[in-house]
C-alpha atoms as a PDB file:
ATOM      1  CA  MET A   1     -61.411  -9.613 -80.973  1.00  0.00           C
ATOM      2  CA  ILE A   2     -63.790  -8.285 -83.582  1.00  0.00           C
ATOM      3  CA  PHE A   3     -66.294 -11.067 -83.041  1.00  0.00           C
ATOM      4  CA  SER A   4     -66.521 -10.603 -79.289  1.00  0.00           C
ATOM      5  CA  GLY A   5     -68.277  -7.265 -79.412  1.00  0.00           C
ATOM      6  CA  LEU A   6     -67.637  -3.723 -78.321  1.00  0.00           C
ATOM      7  CA  GLY A   7     -67.987  -4.027 -74.552  1.00  0.00           C
ATOM      8  CA  ARG A   8     -65.601  -2.961 -71.843  1.00  0.00           C
ATOM      9  CA  THR A   9     -64.368  -6.485 -71.358  1.00  0.00           C
ATOM     10  CA  THR A  10     -63.233  -6.643 -74.958  1.00  0.00           C
ATOM     11  CA  MET A  11     -61.395  -3.351 -74.641  1.00  0.00           C
ATOM     12  CA  VAL A  12     -59.673  -4.413 -71.441  1.00  0.00           C
ATOM     13  CA  VAL A  13     -58.570  -7.699 -73.022  1.00  0.00           C
ATOM     14  CA  ARG A  14     -57.348  -5.871 -76.118  1.00  0.00           C
ATOM     15  CA  VAL A  15     -55.321  -3.374 -74.079  1.00  0.00           C
ATOM     16  CA  PHE A  16     -53.885  -6.199 -72.002  1.00  0.00           C
ATOM     17  CA  LEU A  17     -52.884  -8.237 -75.040  1.00  0.00           C
ATOM     18  CA  PHE A  18     -51.270  -5.285 -76.764  1.00  0.00           C
ATOM     19  CA  ALA A  19     -49.427  -3.980 -73.691  1.00  0.00           C
ATOM     20  CA  VAL A  20     -48.363  -7.001 -71.640  1.00  0.00           C
ATOM     21  CA  TRP A  21     -45.607  -8.125 -74.009  1.00  0.00           C
ATOM     22  CA  ILE A  22     -43.800  -4.784 -73.992  1.00  0.00           C
ATOM     23  CA  ILE A  23     -44.032  -4.492 -70.213  1.00  0.00           C
ATOM     24  CA  ALA A  24     -42.784  -8.055 -69.701  1.00  0.00           C
ATOM     25  CA  ARG A  25     -39.916  -7.591 -72.153  1.00  0.00           C
ATOM     26  CA  ASP A  26     -38.735  -4.355 -70.549  1.00  0.00           C
ATOM     27  CA  THR A  27     -39.031  -5.854 -67.064  1.00  0.00           C
ATOM     28  CA  ARG A  28     -36.943  -8.835 -68.134  1.00  0.00           C
ATOM     29  CA  THR A  29     -34.370  -6.523 -69.712  1.00  0.00           C
ATOM     30  CA  GLY A  30     -34.141  -4.405 -66.568  1.00  0.00           C
ATOM     31  CA  ILE A  31     -33.599  -7.450 -64.376  1.00  0.00           C
ATOM     32  CA  ARG A  32     -31.064  -9.026 -66.742  1.00  0.00           C
ATOM     33  CA  HIS A  33     -28.961  -5.870 -66.974  1.00  0.00           C
ATOM     34  CA  LEU A  34     -28.703  -5.517 -63.222  1.00  0.00           C
ATOM     35  CA  PRO A  35     -25.056  -5.277 -62.144  1.00  0.00           C
ATOM     36  CA  VAL A  36     -23.762  -8.400 -60.431  1.00  0.00           C
ATOM     37  CA  SER A  37     -21.862  -6.643 -57.631  1.00  0.00           C
ATOM     38  CA  PRO A  38     -24.913  -5.291 -55.711  1.00  0.00           C
ATOM     39  CA  VAL A  39     -26.571  -8.710 -55.836  1.00  0.00           C
ATOM     40  CA  GLU A  40     -23.410 -10.397 -54.535  1.00  0.00           C
ATOM     41  CA  MET A  41     -23.090  -7.749 -51.834  1.00  0.00           C
ATOM     42  CA  GLY A  42     -26.684  -8.369 -50.763  1.00  0.00           C
ATOM     43  CA  ARG A  43     -26.120 -12.109 -50.604  1.00  0.00           C
ATOM     44  CA  SER A  44     -22.893 -11.773 -48.646  1.00  0.00           C
ATOM     45  CA  SER A  45     -24.509  -9.406 -46.158  1.00  0.00           C
ATOM     46  CA  GLY A  46     -27.194 -11.969 -45.398  1.00  0.00           C
ATOM     47  CA  ALA A  47     -30.219 -10.771 -47.343  1.00  0.00           C
ATOM     48  CA  SER A  48     -33.079 -13.264 -47.281  1.00  0.00           C
ATOM     49  CA  ARG A  49     -34.672 -14.777 -50.368  1.00  0.00           C
ATOM     50  CA  ILE A  50     -37.557 -12.326 -50.107  1.00  0.00           C
ATOM     51  CA  ALA A  51     -35.497  -9.235 -49.286  1.00  0.00           C
ATOM     52  CA  LEU A  52     -33.104  -9.603 -52.210  1.00  0.00           C
ATOM     53  CA  PRO A  53     -35.704  -9.264 -54.999  1.00  0.00           C
ATOM     54  CA  THR A  54     -37.945  -6.788 -53.188  1.00  0.00           C
ATOM     55  CA  ARG A  55     -35.314  -4.451 -51.807  1.00  0.00           C
ATOM     56  CA  LEU A  56     -32.541  -4.709 -54.362  1.00  0.00           C
ATOM     57  CA  VAL A  57     -33.561  -6.167 -57.726  1.00  0.00           C
ATOM     58  CA  LEU A  58     -36.959  -4.492 -58.148  1.00  0.00           C
ATOM     59  CA  PRO A  59     -35.827  -0.959 -57.241  1.00  0.00           C
ATOM     60  CA  SER A  60     -32.795  -1.316 -59.511  1.00  0.00           C
ATOM     61  CA  ALA A  61     -34.944  -2.438 -62.436  1.00  0.00           C
ATOM     62  CA  LEU A  62     -37.649   0.172 -61.816  1.00  0.00           C
ATOM     63  CA  PRO A  63     -36.571   2.604 -64.574  1.00  0.00           C
ATOM     64  CA  GLU A  64     -36.879  -0.131 -67.201  1.00  0.00           C
ATOM     65  CA  ILE A  65     -40.180  -1.322 -65.737  1.00  0.00           C
ATOM     66  CA  LEU A  66     -41.645   2.183 -65.824  1.00  0.00           C
ATOM     67  CA  ALA A  67     -40.426   2.682 -69.395  1.00  0.00           C
ATOM     68  CA  GLY A  68     -42.177  -0.562 -70.326  1.00  0.00           C
ATOM     69  CA  ILE A  69     -45.378   0.590 -68.651  1.00  0.00           C
ATOM     70  CA  ARG A  70     -45.214   3.879 -70.534  1.00  0.00           C
ATOM     71  CA  LEU A  71     -44.647   2.164 -73.884  1.00  0.00           C
ATOM     72  CA  GLY A  72     -47.242  -0.501 -73.104  1.00  0.00           C
ATOM     73  CA  THR A  73     -49.838   2.125 -72.282  1.00  0.00           C
ATOM     74  CA  VAL A  74     -49.287   3.867 -75.600  1.00  0.00           C
ATOM     75  CA  ARG A  75     -49.447   0.573 -77.461  1.00  0.00           C
ATOM     76  CA  GLY A  76     -52.630  -0.431 -75.604  1.00  0.00           C
ATOM     77  CA  ILE A  77     -54.319   2.811 -76.574  1.00  0.00           C
ATOM     78  CA  LYS A  78     -53.249   2.251 -80.177  1.00  0.00           C
ATOM     79  CA  GLY A  79     -54.743  -1.225 -79.988  1.00  0.00           C
ATOM     80  CA  VAL A  80     -58.090   0.130 -78.866  1.00  0.00           C
ATOM     81  CA  VAL A  81     -58.119   2.762 -81.609  1.00  0.00           C
ATOM     82  CA  VAL A  82     -57.175   0.261 -84.317  1.00  0.00           C
ATOM     83  CA  GLY A  83     -59.684  -2.274 -83.016  1.00  0.00           C
ATOM     84  CA  GLN A  84     -62.487   0.239 -82.956  1.00  0.00           C
ATOM     85  CA  SER A  85     -61.590   1.384 -86.467  1.00  0.00           C
ATOM     86  CA  LEU A  86     -61.703  -2.187 -87.760  1.00  0.00           C
ATOM     87  CA  VAL A  87     -65.004  -2.880 -86.041  1.00  0.00           C
ATOM     88  CA  SER A  88     -66.554   0.306 -87.427  1.00  0.00           C
ATOM     89  CA  VAL A  89     -65.443  -0.543 -90.984  1.00  0.00           C
ATOM     90  CA  ILE A  90     -66.486  -4.206 -90.849  1.00  0.00           C
ATOM     91  CA  GLY A  91     -69.779  -3.651 -89.269  1.00  0.00           C
END
């Protein structure tokens, strides 16, 4: 990252690389810890393949997803600060 410069593109890539892993991990955790009974109820009541994830799984996992976004944002900002500090020291 240091060799690619100080432009906006570099900062966006740095924030993305620092934040995406936390957001993905928390999203996966929220979906994995979803109770089985609502999913089974949705399937037995005839929910389509599109309606089940969009109307049941995603809203149920939303607290974990938002926590991941919050933590990812903080980590992305830390990444920019650390990156800028390293670039200013190195040259």
